[in-house]
Amino acid sequence: MSWNNNDGPWGPSGGKSGGNPWTKKDSGGGGQQPPNNPPPPDLDKFFHQFGEAFERWRKHAGGPQQLFMLVLSILLALWILSGFYQVATDQVGVVMRFGAFDRVDPPGL
C-alpha cells in the first residue's frame, strides 16, 4: 500500500472532512477526548471505603485468629487453583520444572 506524505490511514490529515478524529489540529491542543468518555474511577475513595468495610467486618468477626484463618484459606484456595491449566486440542503442553524439561502433557484439563 502506497502512502502519500499528506495522507494517513484516516484520510487527509488536519482537515474537517477527513483525518483522524482524535488528533485534528483545529481542536486547539493536540487532540480531543472521545465523546461521552466517563471520568476515571476515584481510587482513593474506593480504598477508603474498602478499608472502612474491612474494619467493620473485623470488629464483628471475632478476633485475629478468625482473620488469620480467612487469609490462610484464601491463600490455600489460590494455590490449589493455580495448579490447573488447559491444553487446547490442537496443542501439546510442555511442562518445565526450574527451567528444565519435565514432561509433555496431552490436550485437555
PDB file of N, CA and C in Angstrom:
ATOM      1  N   MET A   1       0.845  -1.162   0.000  1.00  0.00           N
ATOM      2  CA  MET A   1       0.000   0.000   0.000  1.00  0.00           C
ATOM      3  C   MET A   1       0.887   1.221   0.000  1.00  0.00           C
ATOM      4  N   SER A   2       0.625   2.123  -0.890  1.00  0.00           N
ATOM      5  CA  SER A   2       1.448   3.306  -1.033  1.00  0.00           C
ATOM      6  C   SER A   2       0.844   4.446  -0.224  1.00  0.00           C
ATOM      7  N   TRP A   3       1.677   5.156   0.519  1.00  0.00           N
ATOM      8  CA  TRP A   3       1.216   6.265   1.347  1.00  0.00           C
ATOM      9  C   TRP A   3       1.707   7.580   0.760  1.00  0.00           C
ATOM     10  N   ASN A   4       0.823   8.538   0.704  1.00  0.00           N
ATOM     11  CA  ASN A   4       1.186   9.888   0.316  1.00  0.00           C
ATOM     12  C   ASN A   4       1.658  10.603   1.577  1.00  0.00           C
ATOM     13  N   ASN A   5       2.591  11.517   1.487  1.00  0.00           N
ATOM     14  CA  ASN A   5       3.110  12.204   2.669  1.00  0.00           C
ATOM     15  C   ASN A   5       2.043  13.011   3.398  1.00  0.00           C
ATOM     16  N   ASN A   6       1.001  13.436   2.698  1.00  0.00           N
ATOM     17  CA  ASN A   6      -0.041  14.252   3.329  1.00  0.00           C
ATOM     18  C   ASN A   6      -1.206  13.426   3.834  1.00  0.00           C
ATOM     19  N   ASP A   7      -1.277  12.177   3.479  1.00  0.00           N
ATOM     20  CA  ASP A   7      -2.412  11.350   3.876  1.00  0.00           C
ATOM     21  C   ASP A   7      -1.980  10.295   4.883  1.00  0.00           C
ATOM     22  N   GLY A   8      -2.885   9.999   5.785  1.00  0.00           N
ATOM     23  CA  GLY A   8      -2.663   8.949   6.759  1.00  0.00           C
ATOM     24  C   GLY A   8      -3.692   7.864   6.573  1.00  0.00           C
ATOM     25  N   PRO A   9      -3.789   6.929   7.479  1.00  0.00           N
ATOM     26  CA  PRO A   9      -4.744   5.842   7.324  1.00  0.00           C
ATOM     27  C   PRO A   9      -6.192   6.301   7.440  1.00  0.00           C
ATOM     28  N   TRP A  10      -6.459   7.498   7.997  1.00  0.00           N
ATOM     29  CA  TRP A  10      -7.811   8.010   8.132  1.00  0.00           C
ATOM     30  C   TRP A  10      -8.142   9.052   7.067  1.00  0.00           C
ATOM     31  N   GLY A  11      -7.311   9.216   6.066  1.00  0.00           N
ATOM     32  CA  GLY A  11      -7.562  10.187   5.015  1.00  0.00           C
ATOM     33  C   GLY A  11      -6.638  11.379   5.165  1.00  0.00           C
ATOM     34  N   PRO A  12      -6.998  12.512   4.534  1.00  0.00           N
ATOM     35  CA  PRO A  12      -6.144  13.696   4.619  1.00  0.00           C
ATOM     36  C   PRO A  12      -6.018  14.175   6.059  1.00  0.00           C
ATOM     37  N   SER A  13      -4.821  14.564   6.453  1.00  0.00           N
ATOM     38  CA  SER A  13      -4.605  14.951   7.848  1.00  0.00           C
ATOM     39  C   SER A  13      -4.973  16.403   8.071  1.00  0.00           C
ATOM     40  N   GLY A  14      -5.607  16.672   9.199  1.00  0.00           N
ATOM     41  CA  GLY A  14      -5.858  18.030   9.647  1.00  0.00           C
ATOM     42  C   GLY A  14      -7.114  18.667   9.129  1.00  0.00           C
ATOM     43  N   GLY A  15      -7.770  18.150   8.122  1.00  0.00           N
ATOM     44  CA  GLY A  15      -8.962  18.796   7.591  1.00  0.00           C
ATOM     45  C   GLY A  15     -10.204  18.428   8.370  1.00  0.00           C
ATOM     46  N   LYS A  16     -11.270  19.229   8.210  1.00  0.00           N
ATOM     47  CA  LYS A  16     -12.511  18.928   8.918  1.00  0.00           C
ATOM     48  C   LYS A  16     -13.264  17.775   8.268  1.00  0.00           C
ATOM     49  N   SER A  17     -13.032  17.534   6.978  1.00  0.00           N
ATOM     50  CA  SER A  17     -13.783  16.483   6.302  1.00  0.00           C
ATOM     51  C   SER A  17     -13.115  15.112   6.420  1.00  0.00           C
ATOM     52  N   GLY A  18     -11.873  15.059   6.826  1.00  0.00           N
ATOM     53  CA  GLY A  18     -11.194  13.772   6.915  1.00  0.00           C
ATOM     54  C   GLY A  18     -10.160  13.797   8.009  1.00  0.00           C
ATOM     55  N   GLY A  19      -9.355  12.787   8.055  1.00  0.00           N
ATOM     56  CA  GLY A  19      -8.302  12.694   9.058  1.00  0.00           C
ATOM     57  C   GLY A  19      -8.760  11.958  10.293  1.00  0.00           C
ATOM     58  N   ASN A  20      -7.839  11.716  11.184  1.00  0.00           N
ATOM     59  CA  ASN A  20      -8.122  11.041  12.435  1.00  0.00           C
ATOM     60  C   ASN A  20      -8.958  11.955  13.319  1.00  0.00           C
ATOM     61  N   PRO A  21     -10.141  11.550  13.772  1.00  0.00           N
ATOM     62  CA  PRO A  21     -10.993  12.437  14.564  1.00  0.00           C
ATOM     63  C   PRO A  21     -10.416  12.764  15.934  1.00  0.00           C
ATOM     64  N   TRP A  22      -9.445  11.993  16.428  1.00  0.00           N
ATOM     65  CA  TRP A  22      -8.907  12.236  17.772  1.00  0.00           C
ATOM     66  C   TRP A  22      -7.688  13.150  17.750  1.00  0.00           C
ATOM     67  N   THR A  23      -7.140  13.433  16.595  1.00  0.00           N
ATOM     68  CA  THR A  23      -5.944  14.276  16.540  1.00  0.00           C
ATOM     69  C   THR A  23      -6.093  15.419  15.554  1.00  0.00           C
ATOM     70  N   LYS A  24      -7.282  15.964  15.392  1.00  0.00           N
ATOM     71  CA  LYS A  24      -7.472  17.089  14.482  1.00  0.00           C
ATOM     72  C   LYS A  24      -6.735  18.302  15.011  1.00  0.00           C
ATOM     73  N   LYS A  25      -6.108  19.041  14.121  1.00  0.00           N
ATOM     74  CA  LYS A  25      -5.331  20.196  14.531  1.00  0.00           C
ATOM     75  C   LYS A  25      -6.194  21.383  14.903  1.00  0.00           C
ATOM     76  N   ASP A  26      -7.475  21.400  14.465  1.00  0.00           N
ATOM     77  CA  ASP A  26      -8.324  22.535  14.764  1.00  0.00           C
ATOM     78  C   ASP A  26      -8.966  22.432  16.149  1.00  0.00           C
ATOM     79  N   SER A  27      -8.677  21.391  16.927  1.00  0.00           N
ATOM     80  CA  SER A  27      -9.262  21.260  18.256  1.00  0.00           C
ATOM     81  C   SER A  27      -8.503  22.074  19.289  1.00  0.00           C
ATOM     82  N   GLY A  28      -7.352  22.596  18.943  1.00  0.00           N
ATOM     83  CA  GLY A  28      -6.657  23.526  19.814  1.00  0.00           C
ATOM     84  C   GLY A  28      -5.895  22.894  20.949  1.00  0.00           C
ATOM     85  N   GLY A  29      -5.046  21.950  20.713  1.00  0.00           N
ATOM     86  CA  GLY A  29      -4.251  21.439  21.818  1.00  0.00           C
ATOM     87  C   GLY A  29      -3.820  20.012  21.658  1.00  0.00           C
ATOM     88  N   GLY A  30      -3.616  19.564  20.457  1.00  0.00           N
ATOM     89  CA  GLY A  30      -3.016  18.261  20.282  1.00  0.00           C
ATOM     90  C   GLY A  30      -3.983  17.119  20.106  1.00  0.00           C
ATOM     91  N   GLY A  31      -5.228  17.292  20.404  1.00  0.00           N
ATOM     92  CA  GLY A  31      -6.178  16.209  20.260  1.00  0.00           C
ATOM     93  C   GLY A  31      -7.319  16.394  21.223  1.00  0.00           C
ATOM     94  N   GLN A  32      -8.407  15.756  20.942  1.00  0.00           N
ATOM     95  CA  GLN A  32      -9.568  15.891  21.805  1.00  0.00           C
ATOM     96  C   GLN A  32      -9.920  14.537  22.387  1.00  0.00           C
ATOM     97  N   GLN A  33     -10.670  14.569  23.459  1.00  0.00           N
ATOM     98  CA  GLN A  33     -11.093  13.335  24.103  1.00  0.00           C
ATOM     99  C   GLN A  33     -12.234  12.722  23.308  1.00  0.00           C
ATOM    100  N   PRO A  34     -12.367  11.403  23.311  1.00  0.00           N
ATOM    101  CA  PRO A  34     -13.510  10.781  22.654  1.00  0.00           C
ATOM    102  C   PRO A  34     -14.808  11.259  23.293  1.00  0.00           C
ATOM    103  N   PRO A  35     -15.883  11.370  22.542  1.00  0.00           N
ATOM    104  CA  PRO A  35     -17.144  11.838  23.107  1.00  0.00           C
ATOM    105  C   PRO A  35     -17.702  10.855  24.126  1.00  0.00           C
ATOM    106  N   ASN A  36     -18.421  11.402  25.113  1.00  0.00           N
ATOM    107  CA  ASN A  36     -19.075  10.611  26.161  1.00  0.00           C
ATOM    108  C   ASN A  36     -18.093   9.738  26.927  1.00  0.00           C
ATOM    109  N   ASN A  37     -16.890  10.244  27.177  1.00  0.00           N
ATOM    110  CA  ASN A  37     -15.884   9.497  27.911  1.00  0.00           C
ATOM    111  C   ASN A  37     -16.141   9.688  29.405  1.00  0.00           C
ATOM    112  N   PRO A  38     -16.481   8.625  30.159  1.00  0.00           N
ATOM    113  CA  PRO A  38     -16.734   8.788  31.589  1.00  0.00           C
ATOM    114  C   PRO A  38     -15.447   9.121  32.331  1.00  0.00           C
ATOM    115  N   PRO A  39     -15.557   9.821  33.457  1.00  0.00           N
ATOM    116  CA  PRO A  39     -14.352  10.151  34.221  1.00  0.00           C
ATOM    117  C   PRO A  39     -13.734   8.892  34.821  1.00  0.00           C
ATOM    118  N   PRO A  40     -12.431   8.896  35.073  1.00  0.00           N
ATOM    119  CA  PRO A  40     -11.793   7.717  35.664  1.00  0.00           C
ATOM    120  C   PRO A  40     -12.280   7.503  37.095  1.00  0.00           C
ATOM    121  N   PRO A  41     -12.229   6.262  37.589  1.00  0.00           N
ATOM    122  CA  PRO A  41     -12.691   6.000  38.952  1.00  0.00           C
ATOM    123  C   PRO A  41     -11.774   6.648  39.982  1.00  0.00           C
ATOM    124  N   ASP A  42     -12.361   7.027  41.106  1.00  0.00           N
ATOM    125  CA  ASP A  42     -11.608   7.640  42.191  1.00  0.00           C
ATOM    126  C   ASP A  42     -11.070   6.527  43.084  1.00  0.00           C
ATOM    127  N   LEU A  43      -9.794   6.185  42.905  1.00  0.00           N
ATOM    128  CA  LEU A  43      -9.213   5.062  43.641  1.00  0.00           C
ATOM    129  C   LEU A  43      -9.055   5.361  45.119  1.00  0.00           C
ATOM    130  N   ASP A  44      -8.782   6.626  45.481  1.00  0.00           N
ATOM    131  CA  ASP A  44      -8.667   6.967  46.902  1.00  0.00           C
ATOM    132  C   ASP A  44      -9.976   6.700  47.624  1.00  0.00           C
ATOM    133  N   LYS A  45     -11.080   7.087  46.991  1.00  0.00           N
ATOM    134  CA  LYS A  45     -12.395   6.860  47.599  1.00  0.00           C
ATOM    135  C   LYS A  45     -12.677   5.367  47.708  1.00  0.00           C
ATOM    136  N   PHE A  46     -12.324   4.586  46.664  1.00  0.00           N
ATOM    137  CA  PHE A  46     -12.545   3.145  46.683  1.00  0.00           C
ATOM    138  C   PHE A  46     -11.778   2.483  47.822  1.00  0.00           C
ATOM    139  N   PHE A  47     -10.482   2.800  47.950  1.00  0.00           N
ATOM    140  CA  PHE A  47      -9.678   2.169  49.002  1.00  0.00           C
ATOM    141  C   PHE A  47     -10.124   2.616  50.393  1.00  0.00           C
ATOM    142  N   HIS A  48     -10.584   3.855  50.520  1.00  0.00           N
ATOM    143  CA  HIS A  48     -11.088   4.331  51.816  1.00  0.00           C
ATOM    144  C   HIS A  48     -12.347   3.555  52.197  1.00  0.00           C
ATOM    145  N   GLN A  49     -13.271   3.374  51.236  1.00  0.00           N
ATOM    146  CA  GLN A  49     -14.487   2.615  51.513  1.00  0.00           C
ATOM    147  C   GLN A  49     -14.166   1.149  51.806  1.00  0.00           C
ATOM    148  N   PHE A  50     -13.195   0.587  51.088  1.00  0.00           N
ATOM    149  CA  PHE A  50     -12.810  -0.798  51.340  1.00  0.00           C
ATOM    150  C   PHE A  50     -12.227  -0.948  52.743  1.00  0.00           C
ATOM    151  N   GLY A  51     -11.390   0.015  53.142  1.00  0.00           N
ATOM    152  CA  GLY A  51     -10.804  -0.030  54.484  1.00  0.00           C
ATOM    153  C   GLY A  51     -11.860   0.075  55.574  1.00  0.00           C
ATOM    154  N   GLU A  52     -12.848   0.952  55.361  1.00  0.00           N
ATOM    155  CA  GLU A  52     -13.921   1.071  56.350  1.00  0.00           C
ATOM    156  C   GLU A  52     -14.737  -0.209  56.436  1.00  0.00           C
ATOM    157  N   ALA A  53     -15.049  -0.820  55.297  1.00  0.00           N
ATOM    158  CA  ALA A  53     -15.808  -2.070  55.298  1.00  0.00           C
ATOM    159  C   ALA A  53     -15.010  -3.190  55.960  1.00  0.00           C
ATOM    160  N   PHE A  54     -13.695  -3.226  55.722  1.00  0.00           N
ATOM    161  CA  PHE A  54     -12.859  -4.249  56.348  1.00  0.00           C
ATOM    162  C   PHE A  54     -12.819  -4.064  57.863  1.00  0.00           C
ATOM    163  N   GLU A  55     -12.727  -2.830  58.317  1.00  0.00           N
ATOM    164  CA  GLU A  55     -12.718  -2.565  59.759  1.00  0.00           C
ATOM    165  C   GLU A  55     -14.047  -2.970  60.400  1.00  0.00           C
ATOM    166  N   ARG A  56     -15.165  -2.685  59.734  1.00  0.00           N
ATOM    167  CA  ARG A  56     -16.475  -3.105  60.261  1.00  0.00           C
ATOM    168  C   ARG A  56     -16.545  -4.627  60.346  1.00  0.00           C
ATOM    169  N   TRP A  57     -16.048  -5.312  59.297  1.00  0.00           N
ATOM    170  CA  TRP A  57     -16.079  -6.770  59.311  1.00  0.00           C
ATOM    171  C   TRP A  57     -15.173  -7.314  60.413  1.00  0.00           C
ATOM    172  N   ARG A  58     -13.992  -6.709  60.590  1.00  0.00           N
ATOM    173  CA  ARG A  58     -13.040  -7.187  61.589  1.00  0.00           C
ATOM    174  C   ARG A  58     -13.582  -7.052  63.002  1.00  0.00           C
ATOM    175  N   LYS A  59     -14.337  -5.983  63.266  1.00  0.00           N
ATOM    176  CA  LYS A  59     -14.909  -5.787  64.599  1.00  0.00           C
ATOM    177  C   LYS A  59     -15.955  -6.836  64.917  1.00  0.00           C
ATOM    178  N   HIS A  60     -16.676  -7.304  63.885  1.00  0.00           N
ATOM    179  CA  HIS A  60     -17.722  -8.300  64.115  1.00  0.00           C
ATOM    180  C   HIS A  60     -17.223  -9.726  63.920  1.00  0.00           C
ATOM    181  N   ALA A  61     -16.013  -9.902  63.435  1.00  0.00           N
ATOM    182  CA  ALA A  61     -15.521 -11.236  63.084  1.00  0.00           C
ATOM    183  C   ALA A  61     -15.147 -12.068  64.309  1.00  0.00           C
ATOM    184  N   GLY A  62     -14.617 -11.464  65.320  1.00  0.00           N
ATOM    185  CA  GLY A  62     -14.318 -12.242  66.498  1.00  0.00           C
ATOM    186  C   GLY A  62     -12.854 -12.312  66.880  1.00  0.00           C
ATOM    187  N   GLY A  63     -11.955 -11.716  66.170  1.00  0.00           N
ATOM    188  CA  GLY A  63     -10.578 -11.688  66.609  1.00  0.00           C
ATOM    189  C   GLY A  63      -9.576 -12.003  65.524  1.00  0.00           C
ATOM    190  N   PRO A  64      -8.290 -11.927  65.916  1.00  0.00           N
ATOM    191  CA  PRO A  64      -7.228 -12.147  64.930  1.00  0.00           C
ATOM    192  C   PRO A  64      -7.129 -13.592  64.454  1.00  0.00           C
ATOM    193  N   GLN A  65      -7.575 -14.558  65.266  1.00  0.00           N
ATOM    194  CA  GLN A  65      -7.500 -15.955  64.839  1.00  0.00           C
ATOM    195  C   GLN A  65      -8.402 -16.187  63.630  1.00  0.00           C
ATOM    196  N   GLN A  66      -9.585 -15.587  63.653  1.00  0.00           N
ATOM    197  CA  GLN A  66     -10.506 -15.769  62.538  1.00  0.00           C
ATOM    198  C   GLN A  66      -9.977 -15.071  61.279  1.00  0.00           C
ATOM    199  N   LEU A  67      -9.352 -13.921  61.454  1.00  0.00           N
ATOM    200  CA  LEU A  67      -8.763 -13.213  60.328  1.00  0.00           C
ATOM    201  C   LEU A  67      -7.612 -14.023  59.735  1.00  0.00           C
ATOM    202  N   PHE A  68      -6.792 -14.604  60.575  1.00  0.00           N
ATOM    203  CA  PHE A  68      -5.689 -15.440  60.114  1.00  0.00           C
ATOM    204  C   PHE A  68      -6.203 -16.638  59.329  1.00  0.00           C
ATOM    205  N   MET A  69      -7.257 -17.284  59.829  1.00  0.00           N
ATOM    206  CA  MET A  69      -7.821 -18.438  59.140  1.00  0.00           C
ATOM    207  C   MET A  69      -8.419 -18.036  57.788  1.00  0.00           C
ATOM    208  N   LEU A  70      -9.028 -16.854  57.701  1.00  0.00           N
ATOM    209  CA  LEU A  70      -9.587 -16.382  56.446  1.00  0.00           C
ATOM    210  C   LEU A  70      -8.480 -16.154  55.415  1.00  0.00           C
ATOM    211  N   VAL A  71      -7.413 -15.471  55.816  1.00  0.00           N
ATOM    212  CA  VAL A  71      -6.295 -15.208  54.906  1.00  0.00           C
ATOM    213  C   VAL A  71      -5.644 -16.528  54.493  1.00  0.00           C
ATOM    214  N   LEU A  72      -5.466 -17.430  55.419  1.00  0.00           N
ATOM    215  CA  LEU A  72      -4.865 -18.725  55.112  1.00  0.00           C
ATOM    216  C   LEU A  72      -5.727 -19.521  54.138  1.00  0.00           C
ATOM    217  N   SER A  73      -7.042 -19.514  54.324  1.00  0.00           N
ATOM    218  CA  SER A  73      -7.922 -20.255  53.423  1.00  0.00           C
ATOM    219  C   SER A  73      -7.955 -19.629  52.029  1.00  0.00           C
ATOM    220  N   ILE A  74      -7.882 -18.301  51.928  1.00  0.00           N
ATOM    221  CA  ILE A  74      -7.829 -17.646  50.618  1.00  0.00           C
ATOM    222  C   ILE A  74      -6.535 -18.007  49.900  1.00  0.00           C
ATOM    223  N   LEU A  75      -5.414 -17.983  50.620  1.00  0.00           N
ATOM    224  CA  LEU A  75      -4.131 -18.349  50.012  1.00  0.00           C
ATOM    225  C   LEU A  75      -4.115 -19.810  49.582  1.00  0.00           C
ATOM    226  N   LEU A  76      -4.688 -20.680  50.383  1.00  0.00           N
ATOM    227  CA  LEU A  76      -4.754 -22.096  50.036  1.00  0.00           C
ATOM    228  C   LEU A  76      -5.604 -22.310  48.790  1.00  0.00           C
ATOM    229  N   ALA A  77      -6.740 -21.629  48.701  1.00  0.00           N
ATOM    230  CA  ALA A  77      -7.610 -21.754  47.526  1.00  0.00           C
ATOM    231  C   ALA A  77      -6.898 -21.247  46.269  1.00  0.00           C
ATOM    232  N   LEU A  78      -6.183 -20.135  46.359  1.00  0.00           N
ATOM    233  CA  LEU A  78      -5.446 -19.618  45.213  1.00  0.00           C
ATOM    234  C   LEU A  78      -4.330 -20.571  44.786  1.00  0.00           C
ATOM    235  N   TRP A  79      -3.664 -21.182  45.747  1.00  0.00           N
ATOM    236  CA  TRP A  79      -2.598 -22.132  45.441  1.00  0.00           C
ATOM    237  C   TRP A  79      -3.155 -23.371  44.738  1.00  0.00           C
ATOM    238  N   ILE A  80      -4.294 -23.857  45.213  1.00  0.00           N
ATOM    239  CA  ILE A  80      -4.907 -25.038  44.590  1.00  0.00           C
ATOM    240  C   ILE A  80      -5.373 -24.710  43.176  1.00  0.00           C
ATOM    241  N   LEU A  81      -6.003 -23.537  42.988  1.00  0.00           N
ATOM    242  CA  LEU A  81      -6.495 -23.166  41.661  1.00  0.00           C
ATOM    243  C   LEU A  81      -5.376 -22.886  40.677  1.00  0.00           C
ATOM    244  N   SER A  82      -4.192 -22.522  41.146  1.00  0.00           N
ATOM    245  CA  SER A  82      -3.087 -22.240  40.238  1.00  0.00           C
ATOM    246  C   SER A  82      -2.502 -23.514  39.636  1.00  0.00           C
ATOM    247  N   GLY A  83      -2.863 -24.674  40.148  1.00  0.00           N
ATOM    248  CA  GLY A  83      -2.325 -25.930  39.637  1.00  0.00           C
ATOM    249  C   GLY A  83      -3.080 -26.472  38.438  1.00  0.00           C
ATOM    250  N   PHE A  84      -4.210 -25.867  38.068  1.00  0.00           N
ATOM    251  CA  PHE A  84      -4.995 -26.330  36.932  1.00  0.00           C
ATOM    252  C   PHE A  84      -4.657 -25.509  35.700  1.00  0.00           C
ATOM    253  N   TYR A  85      -4.535 -26.169  34.579  1.00  0.00           N
ATOM    254  CA  TYR A  85      -4.327 -25.483  33.312  1.00  0.00           C
ATOM    255  C   TYR A  85      -4.960 -26.323  32.214  1.00  0.00           C
ATOM    256  N   GLN A  86      -5.226 -25.678  31.072  1.00  0.00           N
ATOM    257  CA  GLN A  86      -5.879 -26.355  29.970  1.00  0.00           C
ATOM    258  C   GLN A  86      -4.997 -26.291  28.731  1.00  0.00           C
ATOM    259  N   VAL A  87      -4.851 -27.440  28.075  1.00  0.00           N
ATOM    260  CA  VAL A  87      -4.111 -27.513  26.825  1.00  0.00           C
ATOM    261  C   VAL A  87      -5.137 -27.670  25.710  1.00  0.00           C
ATOM    262  N   ALA A  88      -5.069 -26.791  24.694  1.00  0.00           N
ATOM    263  CA  ALA A  88      -6.024 -26.827  23.596  1.00  0.00           C
ATOM    264  C   ALA A  88      -5.893 -28.127  22.796  1.00  0.00           C
ATOM    265  N   THR A  89      -6.948 -28.443  22.033  1.00  0.00           N
ATOM    266  CA  THR A  89      -6.972 -29.721  21.322  1.00  0.00           C
ATOM    267  C   THR A  89      -5.925 -29.810  20.226  1.00  0.00           C
ATOM    268  N   ASP A  90      -5.509 -28.674  19.683  1.00  0.00           N
ATOM    269  CA  ASP A  90      -4.504 -28.707  18.621  1.00  0.00           C
ATOM    270  C   ASP A  90      -3.106 -28.382  19.137  1.00  0.00           C
ATOM    271  N   GLN A  91      -2.891 -28.504  20.441  1.00  0.00           N
ATOM    272  CA  GLN A  91      -1.591 -28.182  21.025  1.00  0.00           C
ATOM    273  C   GLN A  91      -1.120 -29.303  21.948  1.00  0.00           C
ATOM    274  N   VAL A  92       0.139 -29.226  22.320  1.00  0.00           N
ATOM    275  CA  VAL A  92       0.734 -30.144  23.288  1.00  0.00           C
ATOM    276  C   VAL A  92       1.392 -29.298  24.363  1.00  0.00           C
ATOM    277  N   GLY A  93       1.147 -29.617  25.619  1.00  0.00           N
ATOM    278  CA  GLY A  93       1.730 -28.852  26.715  1.00  0.00           C
ATOM    279  C   GLY A  93       3.106 -29.368  27.089  1.00  0.00           C
ATOM    280  N   VAL A  94       4.081 -28.461  27.170  1.00  0.00           N
ATOM    281  CA  VAL A  94       5.429 -28.822  27.593  1.00  0.00           C
ATOM    282  C   VAL A  94       5.610 -28.320  29.022  1.00  0.00           C
ATOM    283  N   VAL A  95       5.812 -29.220  29.959  1.00  0.00           N
ATOM    284  CA  VAL A  95       5.973 -28.868  31.363  1.00  0.00           C
ATOM    285  C   VAL A  95       7.461 -28.763  31.663  1.00  0.00           C
ATOM    286  N   MET A  96       7.832 -27.604  32.185  1.00  0.00           N
ATOM    287  CA  MET A  96       9.234 -27.384  32.565  1.00  0.00           C
ATOM    288  C   MET A  96       9.276 -27.104  34.062  1.00  0.00           C
ATOM    289  N   ARG A  97      10.214 -27.718  34.725  1.00  0.00           N
ATOM    290  CA  ARG A  97      10.367 -27.501  36.158  1.00  0.00           C
ATOM    291  C   ARG A  97      11.748 -26.920  36.401  1.00  0.00           C
ATOM    292  N   PHE A  98      11.790 -25.718  36.980  1.00  0.00           N
ATOM    293  CA  PHE A  98      13.038 -24.991  37.230  1.00  0.00           C
ATOM    294  C   PHE A  98      13.832 -24.799  35.947  1.00  0.00           C
ATOM    295  N   GLY A  99      13.122 -24.576  34.816  1.00  0.00           N
ATOM    296  CA  GLY A  99      13.769 -24.310  33.542  1.00  0.00           C
ATOM    297  C   GLY A  99      14.227 -25.538  32.790  1.00  0.00           C
ATOM    298  N   ALA A 100      14.031 -26.727  33.332  1.00  0.00           N
ATOM    299  CA  ALA A 100      14.440 -27.970  32.654  1.00  0.00           C
ATOM    300  C   ALA A 100      13.189 -28.738  32.226  1.00  0.00           C
ATOM    301  N   PHE A 101      13.300 -29.418  31.092  1.00  0.00           N
ATOM    302  CA  PHE A 101      12.198 -30.216  30.571  1.00  0.00           C
ATOM    303  C   PHE A 101      11.793 -31.291  31.586  1.00  0.00           C
ATOM    304  N   ASP A 102      10.456 -31.397  31.818  1.00  0.00           N
ATOM    305  CA  ASP A 102       9.958 -32.400  32.750  1.00  0.00           C
ATOM    306  C   ASP A 102       9.138 -33.452  32.027  1.00  0.00           C
ATOM    307  N   ARG A 103       8.104 -32.980  31.256  1.00  0.00           N
ATOM    308  CA  ARG A 103       7.247 -33.940  30.549  1.00  0.00           C
ATOM    309  C   ARG A 103       6.418 -33.188  29.521  1.00  0.00           C
ATOM    310  N   VAL A 104       5.695 -33.958  28.708  1.00  0.00           N
ATOM    311  CA  VAL A 104       4.775 -33.419  27.711  1.00  0.00           C
ATOM    312  C   VAL A 104       3.371 -33.828  28.130  1.00  0.00           C
ATOM    313  N   ASP A 105       2.446 -32.862  28.138  1.00  0.00           N
ATOM    314  CA  ASP A 105       1.051 -33.154  28.503  1.00  0.00           C
ATOM    315  C   ASP A 105       0.167 -33.170  27.261  1.00  0.00           C
ATOM    316  N   PRO A 106      -0.756 -34.119  27.191  1.00  0.00           N
ATOM    317  CA  PRO A 106      -1.682 -34.159  26.055  1.00  0.00           C
ATOM    318  C   PRO A 106      -2.778 -33.087  26.203  1.00  0.00           C
ATOM    319  N   PRO A 107      -3.569 -32.860  25.162  1.00  0.00           N
ATOM    320  CA  PRO A 107      -4.653 -31.879  25.268  1.00  0.00           C
ATOM    321  C   PRO A 107      -5.663 -32.265  26.333  1.00  0.00           C
ATOM    322  N   GLY A 108      -6.246 -31.268  26.959  1.00  0.00           N
ATOM    323  CA  GLY A 108      -7.253 -31.494  27.995  1.00  0.00           C
ATOM    324  C   GLY A 108      -7.005 -30.620  29.202  1.00  0.00           C
ATOM    325  N   LEU A 109      -7.763 -30.868  30.257  1.00  0.00           N
ATOM    326  CA  LEU A 109      -7.633 -30.092  31.504  1.00  0.00           C
ATOM    327  C   LEU A 109      -6.615 -30.733  32.406  1.00  0.00           C
TER     328      LEU A 109
END
